[in-house]
Amino acid sequence: MKPFSLSESAIAGDSLRGELESGRIGAIAIFEGRVRDHNDGRAVTRLEYHAYVSMAEKEMQRIAEEIAREIPGVRLAALHRIGSLAVGDLAVVCAAGAAHGGEAFQACRLLIYRIKLSVPIWDREHDADGKDSEDERVQARIGHVGDLDLLVQQKGHQSAEDDEDQHPEQEDAGGG
């Protein structure tokens, strides 16, 4: 399996672990994104993901290289489903390995946020009434990435506590 790919087949949460393991890696963080049964107050019955596969895989690789420059020593991998997915299906897996947990968590978080913002993958939600809606790439996603601006502005690999100290005026809107 390539470390950055799209799949029409079901994916497993631990499928990327082998891409990251090495003697230099002391921590692995894995993010799983699943299809949920609601969005913006509407019931969701399934999602369809469409992509420009070769462009999407190249962009995921570019994002990983960018993050690796920001957090030296990190190893990254991501797998995203395309096609029709039911509620509960695993849609995306992002994994990051680093010498320490803080770096692995930060790299994994950056990876999923940047994938959501710039990789050419679109979703169409279907609801119980048979209606569907196209994903408005940036507008629909930006509200769900919360503190992305803080993460993108970070230099190096600051800890979350350092970041909060530098931006005390920003409060968590809740939910996490």
C-alpha atoms as a PDB file:
ATOM      1  CA  MET A   1       0.000   0.000   0.000  1.00  0.00           C
ATOM      2  CA  LYS A   2       1.190   3.512  -0.781  1.00  0.00           C
ATOM      3  CA  PRO A   3       1.474   5.793   2.274  1.00  0.00           C
ATOM      4  CA  PHE A   4      -0.901   8.340   0.646  1.00  0.00           C
ATOM      5  CA  SER A   5      -3.741   6.840  -1.318  1.00  0.00           C
ATOM      6  CA  LEU A   6      -7.454   6.685  -2.022  1.00  0.00           C
ATOM      7  CA  SER A   7      -9.476   3.493  -1.917  1.00  0.00           C
ATOM      8  CA  GLU A   8     -12.867   2.325  -3.135  1.00  0.00           C
ATOM      9  CA  SER A   9     -12.647  -0.586  -0.670  1.00  0.00           C
ATOM     10  CA  ALA A  10     -13.268  -0.526   3.073  1.00  0.00           C
ATOM     11  CA  ILE A  11     -10.279   0.599   5.124  1.00  0.00           C
ATOM     12  CA  ALA A  12      -9.092  -0.343   8.606  1.00  0.00           C
ATOM     13  CA  GLY A  13      -7.934   2.108  11.257  1.00  0.00           C
ATOM     14  CA  ASP A  14      -4.632   0.357  11.853  1.00  0.00           C
ATOM     15  CA  SER A  15      -3.880  -0.202   8.153  1.00  0.00           C
ATOM     16  CA  LEU A  16      -1.223   2.548   8.108  1.00  0.00           C
ATOM     17  CA  ARG A  17       0.741   1.481  11.179  1.00  0.00           C
ATOM     18  CA  GLY A  18       3.294  -0.457   9.129  1.00  0.00           C
ATOM     19  CA  GLU A  19       4.105   2.649   7.078  1.00  0.00           C
ATOM     20  CA  LEU A  20       5.286   4.413  10.234  1.00  0.00           C
ATOM     21  CA  GLU A  21       7.069   1.838  12.345  1.00  0.00           C
ATOM     22  CA  SER A  22      10.815   2.187  12.745  1.00  0.00           C
ATOM     23  CA  GLY A  23      13.354   2.285  15.552  1.00  0.00           C
ATOM     24  CA  ARG A  24      13.174   6.102  15.564  1.00  0.00           C
ATOM     25  CA  ILE A  25       9.427   6.220  16.203  1.00  0.00           C
ATOM     26  CA  GLY A  26       8.393   6.292  19.867  1.00  0.00           C
ATOM     27  CA  ALA A  27       4.756   7.364  19.379  1.00  0.00           C
ATOM     28  CA  ILE A  28       2.078   6.840  16.738  1.00  0.00           C
ATOM     29  CA  ALA A  29      -1.094   8.945  16.593  1.00  0.00           C
ATOM     30  CA  ILE A  30      -3.978   7.747  14.418  1.00  0.00           C
ATOM     31  CA  PHE A  31      -7.038   9.777  13.437  1.00  0.00           C
ATOM     32  CA  GLU A  32     -10.148   8.017  12.113  1.00  0.00           C
ATOM     33  CA  GLY A  33     -12.875  10.007  10.400  1.00  0.00           C
ATOM     34  CA  ARG A  34     -16.222   8.212  10.107  1.00  0.00           C
ATOM     35  CA  VAL A  35     -19.499   8.996   8.377  1.00  0.00           C
ATOM     36  CA  ARG A  36     -21.872  10.381  11.002  1.00  0.00           C
ATOM     37  CA  ASP A  37     -25.661  10.405  10.904  1.00  0.00           C
ATOM     38  CA  HIS A  38     -26.064  14.192  10.904  1.00  0.00           C
ATOM     39  CA  ASN A  39     -24.604  17.423   9.590  1.00  0.00           C
ATOM     40  CA  ASP A  40     -25.790  20.993  10.119  1.00  0.00           C
ATOM     41  CA  GLY A  41     -29.061  19.850  11.675  1.00  0.00           C
ATOM     42  CA  ARG A  42     -29.912  17.398   8.887  1.00  0.00           C
ATOM     43  CA  ALA A  43     -30.063  13.624   9.086  1.00  0.00           C
ATOM     44  CA  VAL A  44     -27.452  11.929   6.876  1.00  0.00           C
ATOM     45  CA  THR A  45     -27.958   8.396   5.538  1.00  0.00           C
ATOM     46  CA  ARG A  46     -24.816   8.086   3.431  1.00  0.00           C
ATOM     47  CA  LEU A  47     -21.977  10.035   1.798  1.00  0.00           C
ATOM     48  CA  GLU A  48     -20.488   9.763  -1.647  1.00  0.00           C
ATOM     49  CA  TYR A  49     -16.855  10.802  -2.003  1.00  0.00           C
ATOM     50  CA  HIS A  50     -15.458  11.788  -5.390  1.00  0.00           C
ATOM     51  CA  ALA A  51     -11.889  12.772  -6.186  1.00  0.00           C
ATOM     52  CA  TYR A  52      -9.285  13.442  -8.793  1.00  0.00           C
ATOM     53  CA  VAL A  53      -7.302  10.443  -7.604  1.00  0.00           C
ATOM     54  CA  SER A  54      -3.838  11.221  -8.976  1.00  0.00           C
ATOM     55  CA  MET A  55      -4.089  14.894  -7.956  1.00  0.00           C
ATOM     56  CA  ALA A  56      -5.417  13.963  -4.511  1.00  0.00           C
ATOM     57  CA  GLU A  57      -2.610  11.499  -3.827  1.00  0.00           C
ATOM     58  CA  LYS A  58       0.035  13.997  -4.994  1.00  0.00           C
ATOM     59  CA  GLU A  59      -1.478  16.725  -2.803  1.00  0.00           C
ATOM     60  CA  MET A  60      -1.536  14.427   0.250  1.00  0.00           C
ATOM     61  CA  GLN A  61       2.140  13.651  -0.382  1.00  0.00           C
ATOM     62  CA  ARG A  62       2.927  17.378  -0.724  1.00  0.00           C
ATOM     63  CA  ILE A  63       1.120  18.133   2.545  1.00  0.00           C
ATOM     64  CA  ALA A  64       3.088  15.393   4.308  1.00  0.00           C
ATOM     65  CA  GLU A  65       6.382  16.753   3.010  1.00  0.00           C
ATOM     66  CA  GLU A  66       5.408  20.226   4.229  1.00  0.00           C
ATOM     67  CA  ILE A  67       4.548  18.926   7.710  1.00  0.00           C
ATOM     68  CA  ALA A  68       7.780  16.882   7.810  1.00  0.00           C
ATOM     69  CA  ARG A  69       9.730  20.103   7.203  1.00  0.00           C
ATOM     70  CA  GLU A  70       7.830  21.762  10.070  1.00  0.00           C
ATOM     71  CA  ILE A  71       8.218  18.805  12.450  1.00  0.00           C
ATOM     72  CA  PRO A  72      11.535  17.101  11.659  1.00  0.00           C
ATOM     73  CA  GLY A  73      11.645  13.338  12.106  1.00  0.00           C
ATOM     74  CA  VAL A  74       7.892  12.801  11.743  1.00  0.00           C
ATOM     75  CA  ARG A  75       6.566  10.053   9.457  1.00  0.00           C
ATOM     76  CA  LEU A  76       3.086  10.380   7.956  1.00  0.00           C
ATOM     77  CA  ALA A  77       0.524   8.342   6.053  1.00  0.00           C
ATOM     78  CA  ALA A  78      -3.112   8.873   5.012  1.00  0.00           C
ATOM     79  CA  LEU A  79      -5.797   6.780   3.366  1.00  0.00           C
ATOM     80  CA  HIS A  80      -9.135   8.211   2.176  1.00  0.00           C
ATOM     81  CA  ARG A  81     -12.187   6.346   0.909  1.00  0.00           C
ATOM     82  CA  ILE A  82     -13.972   7.264  -2.282  1.00  0.00           C
ATOM     83  CA  GLY A  83     -17.329   5.999  -3.473  1.00  0.00           C
ATOM     84  CA  SER A  84     -20.524   5.447  -1.475  1.00  0.00           C
ATOM     85  CA  LEU A  85     -20.179   5.118   2.318  1.00  0.00           C
ATOM     86  CA  ALA A  86     -22.828   4.293   4.916  1.00  0.00           C
ATOM     87  CA  VAL A  87     -23.180   5.880   8.342  1.00  0.00           C
ATOM     88  CA  GLY A  88     -20.422   4.489  10.554  1.00  0.00           C
ATOM     89  CA  ASP A  89     -18.064   3.650   7.694  1.00  0.00           C
ATOM     90  CA  LEU A  90     -14.465   4.749   8.033  1.00  0.00           C
ATOM     91  CA  ALA A  91     -13.895   7.585   5.527  1.00  0.00           C
ATOM     92  CA  VAL A  92     -10.323   8.651   6.279  1.00  0.00           C
ATOM     93  CA  VAL A  93      -7.370   7.495   8.342  1.00  0.00           C
ATOM     94  CA  CYS A  94      -4.409   9.757   9.075  1.00  0.00           C
ATOM     95  CA  ALA A  95      -1.389   8.520  10.974  1.00  0.00           C
ATOM     96  CA  ALA A  96       1.727  10.207  12.284  1.00  0.00           C
ATOM     97  CA  GLY A  97       4.751   8.709  13.948  1.00  0.00           C
ATOM     98  CA  ALA A  98       7.390  10.682  15.818  1.00  0.00           C
ATOM     99  CA  ALA A  99       9.953  10.288  18.566  1.00  0.00           C
ATOM    100  CA  HIS A 100       7.517  11.778  21.096  1.00  0.00           C
ATOM    101  CA  GLY A 101       3.738  11.851  21.519  1.00  0.00           C
ATOM    102  CA  GLY A 102       3.294  15.620  21.298  1.00  0.00           C
ATOM    103  CA  GLU A 103       4.891  15.743  17.877  1.00  0.00           C
ATOM    104  CA  ALA A 104       2.897  12.726  16.656  1.00  0.00           C
ATOM    105  CA  PHE A 105      -0.418  14.266  17.797  1.00  0.00           C
ATOM    106  CA  GLN A 106       0.405  17.663  16.307  1.00  0.00           C
ATOM    107  CA  ALA A 107       1.495  16.186  12.965  1.00  0.00           C
ATOM    108  CA  CYS A 108      -1.602  13.990  12.764  1.00  0.00           C
ATOM    109  CA  ARG A 109      -3.868  16.949  13.496  1.00  0.00           C
ATOM    110  CA  LEU A 110      -2.152  19.115  10.887  1.00  0.00           C
ATOM    111  CA  LEU A 111      -2.407  16.294   8.357  1.00  0.00           C
ATOM    112  CA  ILE A 112      -6.182  15.827   8.623  1.00  0.00           C
ATOM    113  CA  TYR A 113      -6.886  19.579   8.683  1.00  0.00           C
ATOM    114  CA  ARG A 114      -4.761  20.272   5.633  1.00  0.00           C
ATOM    115  CA  ILE A 115      -6.206  17.304   3.762  1.00  0.00           C
ATOM    116  CA  LYS A 116      -9.724  18.637   4.418  1.00  0.00           C
ATOM    117  CA  LEU A 117      -8.788  22.081   3.156  1.00  0.00           C
ATOM    118  CA  SER A 118      -6.756  21.398   0.046  1.00  0.00           C
ATOM    119  CA  VAL A 119      -7.037  17.855  -1.292  1.00  0.00           C
ATOM    120  CA  PRO A 120      -9.442  17.570  -4.264  1.00  0.00           C
ATOM    121  CA  ILE A 121     -11.930  15.228  -2.592  1.00  0.00           C
ATOM    122  CA  TRP A 122     -15.605  16.214  -2.526  1.00  0.00           C
ATOM    123  CA  ASP A 123     -18.515  14.684  -0.705  1.00  0.00           C
ATOM    124  CA  ARG A 124     -22.217  14.553  -1.392  1.00  0.00           C
ATOM    125  CA  GLU A 125     -24.460  13.951   1.600  1.00  0.00           C
ATOM    126  CA  HIS A 126     -27.705  12.030   1.213  1.00  0.00           C
ATOM    127  CA  ASP A 127     -30.546  12.344   3.716  1.00  0.00           C
ATOM    128  CA  ALA A 128     -33.610  10.267   4.563  1.00  0.00           C
ATOM    129  CA  ASP A 129     -35.811  12.426   2.282  1.00  0.00           C
ATOM    130  CA  GLY A 130     -33.664  11.604  -0.732  1.00  0.00           C
ATOM    131  CA  LYS A 131     -32.178  15.100  -0.866  1.00  0.00           C
ATOM    132  CA  ASP A 132     -28.477  15.581  -1.277  1.00  0.00           C
ATOM    133  CA  SER A 133     -26.026  18.433  -0.960  1.00  0.00           C
ATOM    134  CA  GLU A 134     -22.577  19.032  -2.400  1.00  0.00           C
ATOM    135  CA  ASP A 135     -19.753  19.928  -0.057  1.00  0.00           C
ATOM    136  CA  GLU A 136     -18.769  23.585  -0.333  1.00  0.00           C
ATOM    137  CA  ARG A 137     -15.068  22.816   0.092  1.00  0.00           C
ATOM    138  CA  VAL A 138     -13.733  25.688   2.176  1.00  0.00           C
ATOM    139  CA  GLN A 139     -16.940  27.166   3.585  1.00  0.00           C
ATOM    140  CA  ALA A 140     -18.296  23.829   4.822  1.00  0.00           C
ATOM    141  CA  ARG A 141     -14.979  22.647   6.211  1.00  0.00           C
ATOM    142  CA  ILE A 142     -13.574  25.776   7.799  1.00  0.00           C
ATOM    143  CA  GLY A 143     -16.200  25.831  10.543  1.00  0.00           C
ATOM    144  CA  HIS A 144     -15.315  22.259  11.500  1.00  0.00           C
ATOM    145  CA  VAL A 145     -11.575  22.707  11.805  1.00  0.00           C
ATOM    146  CA  GLY A 146     -11.832  25.134  14.706  1.00  0.00           C
ATOM    147  CA  ASP A 147      -8.364  26.296  15.567  1.00  0.00           C
ATOM    148  CA  LEU A 148      -6.797  25.536  12.197  1.00  0.00           C
ATOM    149  CA  ASP A 149      -5.566  29.111  11.849  1.00  0.00           C
ATOM    150  CA  LEU A 150      -3.550  28.673  15.043  1.00  0.00           C
ATOM    151  CA  LEU A 151      -2.079  25.412  13.840  1.00  0.00           C
ATOM    152  CA  VAL A 152      -1.179  26.745  10.406  1.00  0.00           C
ATOM    153  CA  GLN A 153       0.496  29.792  11.947  1.00  0.00           C
ATOM    154  CA  GLN A 154       2.579  27.722  14.345  1.00  0.00           C
ATOM    155  CA  LYS A 155       6.271  27.554  13.609  1.00  0.00           C
ATOM    156  CA  GLY A 156       8.302  24.526  14.526  1.00  0.00           C
ATOM    157  CA  HIS A 157       6.583  22.172  16.924  1.00  0.00           C
ATOM    158  CA  GLN A 158       5.326  24.187  19.886  1.00  0.00           C
ATOM    159  CA  SER A 159       3.371  22.420  22.521  1.00  0.00           C
ATOM    160  CA  ALA A 160      -0.346  23.111  22.855  1.00  0.00           C
ATOM    161  CA  GLU A 161       0.327  24.841  26.183  1.00  0.00           C
ATOM    162  CA  ASP A 162       2.803  27.238  24.553  1.00  0.00           C
ATOM    163  CA  ASP A 163       0.225  28.014  21.884  1.00  0.00           C
ATOM    164  CA  GLU A 164      -2.494  28.751  24.450  1.00  0.00           C
ATOM    165  CA  ASP A 165      -0.103  31.064  26.312  1.00  0.00           C
ATOM    166  CA  GLN A 166       0.529  33.000  23.105  1.00  0.00           C
ATOM    167  CA  HIS A 167      -3.178  33.288  22.231  1.00  0.00           C
ATOM    168  CA  PRO A 168      -5.057  33.738  25.539  1.00  0.00           C
ATOM    169  CA  GLU A 169      -7.864  35.690  23.861  1.00  0.00           C
ATOM    170  CA  GLN A 170      -9.025  32.613  21.970  1.00  0.00           C
ATOM    171  CA  GLU A 171     -11.405  30.345  23.800  1.00  0.00           C
ATOM    172  CA  ASP A 172     -12.533  26.869  22.980  1.00  0.00           C
ATOM    173  CA  ALA A 173     -16.051  27.114  21.572  1.00  0.00           C
ATOM    174  CA  GLY A 174     -16.785  23.740  23.121  1.00  0.00           C
ATOM    175  CA  GLY A 175     -16.891  20.170  22.091  1.00  0.00           C
ATOM    176  CA  GLY A 176     -13.206  19.711  21.374  1.00  0.00           C
END
